[in-house]
Protein backbone atom coordinates (compact mmCIF):
# COMPACT_ATOMS: atom_id res chain seq x y z
CA MET A 1 9.71 33.71 -10.37
CA GLY A 2 8.87 33.21 -6.71
CA ILE A 3 5.65 33.34 -4.72
CA ALA A 4 4.88 34.98 -1.37
CA VAL A 5 4.32 32.89 1.74
CA SER A 6 0.89 34.50 2.15
CA GLN A 7 -0.14 33.22 -1.29
CA LEU A 8 1.02 29.70 -0.44
CA ALA A 9 -0.92 29.89 2.82
CA GLU A 10 -4.05 30.81 0.89
CA LEU A 11 -3.44 27.87 -1.45
CA VAL A 12 -3.41 25.38 1.47
CA GLN A 13 -5.89 27.27 3.67
CA GLY A 14 -3.28 27.83 6.39
CA ASN A 15 -2.49 30.56 8.90
CA VAL A 16 0.67 32.65 8.48
CA VAL A 17 2.81 33.30 11.56
CA GLY A 18 5.61 35.77 10.81
CA ASP A 19 6.41 37.60 7.58
CA GLY A 20 3.91 36.62 4.91
CA ASP A 21 5.70 38.73 2.28
CA ILE A 22 8.77 36.48 2.15
CA VAL A 23 9.23 35.19 -1.40
CA ILE A 24 9.66 31.44 -1.86
CA GLN A 25 11.51 30.00 -4.84
CA SER A 26 11.30 26.27 -4.19
CA ALA A 27 10.28 23.59 -1.69
CA ARG A 28 12.66 21.10 -0.07
CA ILE A 29 12.70 18.75 2.90
CA LEU A 30 14.22 19.90 6.19
CA ARG A 31 17.58 18.27 5.59
CA ASP A 32 18.17 20.03 2.26
CA ALA A 33 16.28 23.34 2.59
CA GLN A 34 18.19 26.60 2.06
CA ALA A 35 17.35 30.30 2.04
CA GLY A 36 14.49 30.97 -0.36
CA ASP A 37 13.01 27.50 0.26
CA ILE A 38 9.92 26.42 2.13
CA THR A 39 10.04 23.16 4.07
CA PHE A 40 7.73 21.28 6.43
CA ALA A 41 7.70 19.67 9.87
CA GLU A 42 5.03 17.03 10.32
CA ASN A 43 5.02 17.13 14.13
CA GLU A 44 6.80 18.56 17.19
CA SER A 45 9.59 15.96 17.05
CA TYR A 46 11.06 17.95 14.13
CA ALA A 47 11.09 21.27 16.03
CA ALA A 48 14.85 21.20 16.71
CA MET A 49 15.69 20.45 13.07
CA LEU A 50 13.32 23.19 11.98
CA HIS A 51 15.01 25.70 14.28
CA GLU A 52 18.41 24.84 12.76
CA SER A 53 17.16 24.79 9.17
CA LYS A 54 18.16 27.53 6.77
CA ALA A 55 14.72 27.47 5.13
CA SER A 56 12.93 30.79 4.82
CA ALA A 57 9.56 29.35 5.87
CA ALA A 58 7.94 26.11 6.93
CA VAL A 59 4.59 24.33 6.88
CA VAL A 60 3.82 23.07 10.39
CA PRO A 61 0.98 21.70 12.51
CA MET A 62 -1.29 24.12 14.33
CA ASN A 63 0.24 23.46 17.75
CA LEU A 64 3.90 23.95 16.84
CA PRO A 65 5.22 26.99 18.74
CA TYR A 66 6.59 29.97 16.87
CA GLY A 67 10.40 30.02 17.01
CA GLY A 68 11.19 33.07 14.92
CA LYS A 69 10.86 31.40 11.50
CA THR A 70 7.91 32.26 9.27
CA LEU A 71 5.34 29.46 9.48
CA ILE A 72 2.23 28.31 7.68
CA GLN A 73 0.10 26.48 10.26
CA VAL A 74 -2.21 23.79 8.84
CA ALA A 75 -4.09 20.74 10.06
CA ASP A 76 -2.11 18.32 7.83
CA PRO A 77 1.44 19.60 7.07
CA LEU A 78 2.42 16.69 4.83
CA MET A 79 -0.49 17.02 2.41
CA ALA A 80 -0.25 20.81 2.46
CA PHE A 81 3.43 20.56 1.55
CA VAL A 82 2.58 18.17 -1.29
CA THR A 83 0.16 20.75 -2.66
CA ILE A 84 2.81 23.47 -2.42
CA VAL A 85 5.46 21.31 -4.15
CA GLN A 86 3.08 20.53 -7.00
CA HIS A 87 2.20 24.21 -7.34
CA LEU A 88 5.84 25.34 -7.39
CA GLN A 89 6.79 22.67 -9.90
CA GLY A 90 4.04 23.98 -12.16
CA LYS A 91 2.99 20.56 -13.43
CA ALA A 92 -0.08 21.00 -15.56
CA LYS A 93 -2.88 18.48 -15.37
CA ARG A 94 -2.51 15.83 -18.06
CA GLN A 95 -4.68 16.58 -21.07
CA PRO A 96 -6.56 13.75 -22.80
CA THR A 97 -4.87 12.48 -25.95
CA GLY A 98 -7.64 10.32 -27.39
CA ILE A 99 -6.94 6.91 -28.93
CA ASP A 100 -3.48 6.54 -30.42
CA PRO A 101 -3.63 5.01 -33.93
CA ARG A 102 -1.19 2.33 -32.80
CA ALA A 103 -3.60 1.12 -30.09
CA SER A 104 -6.03 -1.71 -30.73
CA VAL A 105 -9.61 -1.09 -29.58
CA HIS A 106 -12.31 -3.61 -30.47
CA ALA A 107 -15.08 -2.21 -32.65
CA ASN A 108 -17.82 -2.90 -30.08
CA ALA A 109 -15.90 -1.62 -27.05
CA ARG A 110 -17.54 1.47 -25.55
CA ILE A 111 -15.10 4.27 -24.83
CA GLY A 112 -15.99 7.26 -22.63
CA PRO A 113 -15.12 10.91 -23.24
CA ASP A 114 -11.79 12.62 -22.58
CA ILE A 115 -9.78 9.41 -22.52
CA SER A 116 -6.15 8.65 -23.31
CA ILE A 117 -5.27 5.31 -24.82
CA TYR A 118 -1.55 5.19 -25.59
CA PRO A 119 0.44 3.24 -28.22
CA PHE A 120 0.11 -0.55 -28.26
CA ALA A 121 -2.64 -0.66 -25.64
CA CYS A 122 -5.36 -3.20 -26.39
CA VAL A 123 -9.06 -3.15 -25.43
CA GLY A 124 -11.15 -6.29 -25.90
CA ALA A 125 -14.68 -6.93 -27.10
CA ASN A 126 -17.70 -5.76 -25.06
CA THR A 127 -15.48 -3.79 -22.70
CA VAL A 128 -16.62 -0.43 -21.32
CA ILE A 129 -14.07 2.31 -20.53
CA GLY A 130 -15.32 5.24 -18.42
CA ALA A 131 -14.65 8.94 -18.76
CA ARG A 132 -11.16 10.44 -18.41
CA CYS A 133 -9.41 7.07 -18.16
CA GLU A 134 -5.72 6.64 -19.05
CA LEU A 135 -4.44 3.38 -20.55
CA HIS A 136 -0.69 3.66 -20.94
CA GLN A 137 1.65 1.83 -23.29
CA ASN A 138 1.16 -1.94 -23.69
CA VAL A 139 -1.84 -2.14 -21.37
CA ILE A 140 -4.07 -5.13 -22.13
CA VAL A 141 -7.74 -4.96 -21.16
CA GLY A 142 -9.59 -8.19 -21.92
CA LYS A 143 -13.16 -8.90 -22.98
CA ASN A 144 -16.25 -7.96 -20.96
CA CYS A 145 -14.38 -5.64 -18.61
CA ARG A 146 -15.90 -2.56 -16.98
CA LEU A 147 -13.72 0.41 -16.02
CA GLY A 148 -15.21 3.33 -14.10
CA ASP A 149 -14.29 6.97 -14.50
CA ASP A 150 -10.78 8.42 -13.97
CA VAL A 151 -9.05 5.02 -13.96
CA ILE A 152 -5.28 5.06 -14.56
CA LEU A 153 -3.54 1.91 -15.84
CA HIS A 154 0.23 2.31 -16.04
CA PRO A 155 2.40 0.51 -18.63
CA ASN A 156 2.30 -3.26 -19.14
CA ILE A 157 -0.75 -3.94 -16.98
CA VAL A 158 -2.88 -6.95 -17.91
CA LEU A 159 -6.57 -7.14 -17.08
CA TYR A 160 -7.94 -10.57 -17.97
CA ASP A 161 -11.55 -10.97 -19.11
CA ASP A 162 -14.49 -10.06 -16.82
CA ILE A 163 -12.68 -7.52 -14.61
CA VAL A 164 -14.59 -4.66 -12.98
CA LEU A 165 -12.76 -1.54 -11.78
CA GLY A 166 -14.52 1.25 -9.89
CA ASP A 167 -13.92 4.97 -10.23
CA ARG A 168 -10.46 6.48 -9.65
CA VAL A 169 -8.68 3.13 -9.52
CA ILE A 170 -4.90 3.36 -10.07
CA ILE A 171 -2.87 0.29 -11.01
CA HIS A 172 0.90 0.56 -11.40
CA ALA A 173 3.17 -1.03 -13.97
CA ASN A 174 3.39 -4.77 -14.62
CA SER A 175 0.51 -5.80 -12.36
CA VAL A 176 -1.85 -8.57 -13.41
CA ILE A 177 -5.53 -8.63 -12.48
CA GLY A 178 -7.54 -11.78 -13.10
CA ALA A 179 -5.00 -14.54 -13.71
CA ASP A 180 -6.29 -18.00 -12.86
CA GLY A 181 -6.39 -18.84 -9.17
CA PHE A 182 -4.06 -21.60 -7.99
CA GLY A 183 -6.66 -24.36 -7.77
CA PHE A 184 -5.93 -28.04 -8.45
CA ARG A 185 -7.30 -31.46 -7.50
CA PHE A 186 -5.15 -34.60 -7.29
CA GLN A 187 -6.80 -37.24 -9.45
CA ASN A 188 -5.41 -40.44 -10.91
CA GLY A 189 -1.85 -39.56 -10.00
CA ARG A 190 -1.85 -36.05 -11.44
CA HIS A 191 -2.82 -32.49 -10.52
CA VAL A 192 -5.95 -31.50 -12.41
CA LYS A 193 -6.75 -27.81 -12.86
CA VAL A 194 -9.97 -26.47 -11.31
CA PRO A 195 -11.44 -23.93 -13.76
CA GLN A 196 -11.63 -20.37 -12.45
CA LEU A 197 -15.02 -19.27 -13.73
CA SER A 198 -15.55 -15.86 -12.18
CA GLY A 199 -13.82 -12.48 -12.30
CA VAL A 200 -12.43 -9.73 -10.08
CA ILE A 201 -14.26 -6.69 -8.70
CA ILE A 202 -12.16 -3.75 -7.51
CA GLY A 203 -13.91 -0.91 -5.68
CA ASN A 204 -13.63 2.85 -6.00
CA ASP A 205 -10.37 4.60 -5.05
CA VAL A 206 -8.31 1.41 -4.87
CA GLU A 207 -4.60 1.72 -5.69
CA ILE A 208 -2.48 -1.31 -6.59
CA GLY A 209 1.31 -1.14 -6.68
CA ALA A 210 3.71 -2.41 -9.30
CA CYS A 211 4.09 -6.13 -9.99
CA SER A 212 1.10 -7.12 -7.84
CA THR A 213 -1.46 -9.80 -8.67
CA VAL A 214 -5.14 -10.37 -7.93
CA ASP A 215 -6.50 -13.72 -9.12
CA HIS A 216 -9.83 -14.66 -10.67
CA GLY A 217 -12.44 -16.22 -8.41
CA THR A 218 -13.63 -19.79 -8.90
CA PHE A 219 -17.42 -19.42 -8.70
CA GLU A 220 -17.67 -15.88 -7.26
CA PRO A 221 -15.47 -12.86 -7.96
CA THR A 222 -12.41 -11.98 -5.94
CA VAL A 223 -13.21 -8.60 -4.34
CA ILE A 224 -11.00 -5.67 -3.30
CA GLY A 225 -12.98 -3.19 -1.21
CA GLU A 226 -13.28 0.55 -1.71
CA GLY A 227 -10.28 2.66 -0.74
CA THR A 228 -7.93 -0.28 -0.19
CA LYS A 229 -4.25 0.19 -1.12
CA LEU A 230 -1.90 -2.62 -2.20
CA ASP A 231 1.85 -2.03 -2.20
CA ASN A 232 4.26 -3.49 -4.77
CA HIS A 233 4.57 -7.30 -5.05
CA VAL A 234 1.34 -8.15 -3.23
CA GLN A 235 -0.52 -11.39 -4.02
CA VAL A 236 -4.26 -11.72 -3.47
CA ALA A 237 -5.40 -15.25 -4.29
CA HIS A 238 -8.68 -16.46 -5.74
CA ASN A 239 -12.00 -15.98 -3.91
CA CYS A 240 -10.57 -13.50 -1.40
CA ARG A 241 -12.80 -10.72 -0.14
CA ILE A 242 -10.63 -7.81 1.00
CA GLY A 243 -12.51 -5.18 3.01
CA LYS A 244 -12.64 -1.43 2.61
CA HIS A 245 -9.66 0.83 3.34
CA ASN A 246 -7.16 -1.98 3.96
CA LEU A 247 -3.42 -1.28 3.67
CA LEU A 248 -1.29 -4.20 2.45
CA ALA A 249 2.46 -3.57 2.43
CA ALA A 250 4.99 -5.04 0.02
CA GLN A 251 5.40 -8.80 -0.47
CA THR A 252 2.26 -9.66 1.45
CA GLY A 253 0.66 -12.91 0.30
CA ILE A 254 -2.98 -13.76 1.01
CA GLY A 255 -4.18 -17.32 0.54
CA GLY A 256 -7.35 -18.20 -1.31
CA SER A 257 -10.83 -17.61 0.15
CA THR A 258 -9.51 -15.30 2.86
CA THR A 259 -11.77 -12.52 4.14
CA THR A 260 -10.62 -9.30 5.79
CA GLY A 261 -12.71 -6.68 7.55
CA ASP A 262 -12.47 -2.96 6.96
CA TYR A 263 -9.42 -0.91 8.01
CA VAL A 264 -7.04 -3.87 8.27
CA PHE A 265 -3.31 -3.12 8.09
CA MET A 266 -0.67 -5.67 7.07
CA GLY A 267 3.06 -4.93 7.27
CA GLY A 268 5.60 -6.16 4.76
CA GLN A 269 5.90 -9.89 4.02
CA VAL A 270 2.78 -10.88 5.94
CA GLY A 271 1.49 -14.32 5.00
CA ILE A 272 -2.14 -15.38 5.40
CA LYS A 273 -3.25 -19.02 5.23
CA ASP A 274 -6.15 -19.80 2.92
CA HIS A 275 -9.74 -19.82 4.27
CA THR A 276 -8.83 -17.40 7.07
CA THR A 277 -10.85 -14.47 8.43
CA ILE A 278 -9.10 -11.30 9.62
CA GLY A 279 -11.31 -9.09 11.77
CA GLU A 280 -12.01 -5.41 11.25
CA GLY A 281 -9.37 -2.93 12.39
CA THR A 282 -6.67 -5.57 12.86
CA MET A 283 -2.96 -4.73 12.58
CA LEU A 284 -0.53 -7.46 11.47
CA GLY A 285 3.14 -6.62 11.98
CA ALA A 286 5.78 -7.25 9.32
CA GLN A 287 6.48 -10.94 8.55
CA THR A 288 3.53 -12.13 10.61
CA GLY A 289 2.26 -15.56 9.59
CA VAL A 290 -1.46 -16.07 10.17
CA ILE A 291 -2.78 -19.66 10.29
CA HIS A 292 -5.96 -19.11 12.33
CA ASP A 293 -8.81 -16.60 12.28
CA VAL A 294 -8.01 -13.26 13.93
CA PRO A 295 -10.67 -11.40 15.95
CA PRO A 296 -11.43 -7.72 15.24
CA HIS A 297 -9.11 -4.96 16.44
CA SER A 298 -6.25 -7.34 17.18
CA ARG A 299 -2.54 -6.50 17.04
CA MET A 300 -0.62 -9.60 15.96
CA PHE A 301 3.06 -10.36 15.39
CA GLY A 302 5.36 -13.27 14.62
CA TYR A 303 4.87 -16.81 13.36
CA PRO A 304 2.52 -18.27 14.20
CA ALA A 305 0.74 -14.96 14.75
CA GLN A 306 0.37 -14.04 18.42
CA SER A 307 -1.04 -11.06 20.25
CA GLU A 308 1.14 -8.04 20.90
CA ARG A 309 1.03 -8.77 24.64
CA GLU A 310 2.06 -12.41 24.24
CA ILE A 311 4.85 -11.67 21.78
CA GLY A 312 6.15 -9.03 24.20
CA ARG A 313 6.43 -11.65 26.92
CA ILE A 314 8.22 -14.05 24.59
CA LEU A 315 10.74 -11.43 23.51
CA ALA A 316 11.39 -10.46 27.11
CA VAL A 317 12.15 -14.09 27.98
CA MET A 318 14.34 -14.54 24.89
CA LYS A 319 16.60 -11.71 26.05
CA LYS A 320 17.20 -13.64 29.28
CA LEU A 321 17.95 -16.99 27.63
CA PRO A 322 21.79 -16.65 27.58
CA GLN A 323 21.91 -15.91 31.31
CA MET A 324 19.32 -18.62 32.02
CA ARG A 325 21.49 -21.11 30.12
CA LYS A 326 24.52 -20.17 32.19
CA GLU A 327 22.54 -20.65 35.38
CA LEU A 328 21.22 -24.02 34.19
CA LEU A 329 24.73 -25.26 33.35
CA ARG A 330 25.98 -24.11 36.76
CA VAL A 331 23.20 -26.04 38.52
CA LEU A 332 23.80 -29.16 36.38
CA LYS A 333 27.51 -29.03 37.15
CA HIS A 334 26.77 -28.64 40.84
CA LEU A 335 24.55 -31.72 40.66
CA GLY A 336 27.14 -33.65 38.68
CA LEU A 337 24.89 -33.92 35.64
CA SER A 338 26.98 -31.98 33.11
CA GLY A 339 28.56 -34.90 31.31
CA THR A 340 29.66 -33.27 28.05
CA ARG A 341 31.58 -30.18 27.02
CA SER A 342 28.48 -28.93 25.20
CA GLY A 343 26.64 -28.72 28.51
CA LYS A 344 24.17 -31.51 27.70
CA PRO A 345 23.14 -33.52 30.79
CA ALA A 346 24.80 -36.90 31.17
CA GLU A 347 22.54 -39.90 30.64
CA THR A 348 21.52 -41.76 33.77
């Protein structure tokens, strides 16, 4: 059974341009949409594709001109389309299941209301689990942990002892929070482990991708600030203090005792040397290697990390290197200094 465009517009608080009585059966992206579908265009660059699309209606930004297709104009087309997709799919909100009898919950753990603890999950002594939390299959929560409300731990997550999670934290499968930091001292011909004596504190609304790791602190907790998002395969070493609303893309590795300001962005495979400070609002491009402190609001690329302006100059020169080499060889030959077939100058 379909739903009218006008009803979908009401759902996302949008404005209808065109026929609001058109009935929508499903939602698909521009490339796949057919008659009876609603699609979306995030900005004006998709206007041509939208015009050619067979979709019956589209969710668009407020400034996209009307081209004959029925539109729902909204401030944020992507998130509005997400809401419409979820509504059309009819996915009901997950209902709490309680504690599965195959789970292991310590007798003195404190468990909040409306929770779901699935088979083979384990909750340690003196741990507090907030309201409406979900601990999926094989999740391990150690001793003395504190989980806020509405936390979701996907399968096979391990929280070591003394971990604090804020409200609405989401951690995806196979991630490990609180493993020992990589700290050793070389004594008497061998590497001696430095005990990691503190925990990890993760703020509200943090999301951590699959197979990521955040290590225990040595004397003070490792901290992940409110609203920060870690992609899959991200490593945050011991004693780091990651600011609020950071975005760390896949395979980023952050050395121990590094501090980042708020609203820092790191592209994929960024590497940060230990004991480094990254200023607020900084953007680090993919595969950037940082070995020195970075001032606030910088845009850095390459290894070692350099400013966007400097790396632009380097790339411009690199494009000219083949021609510059030809010119150099021509000059050396003219001067009688090209003594080898490889073009290396003859020794004098």
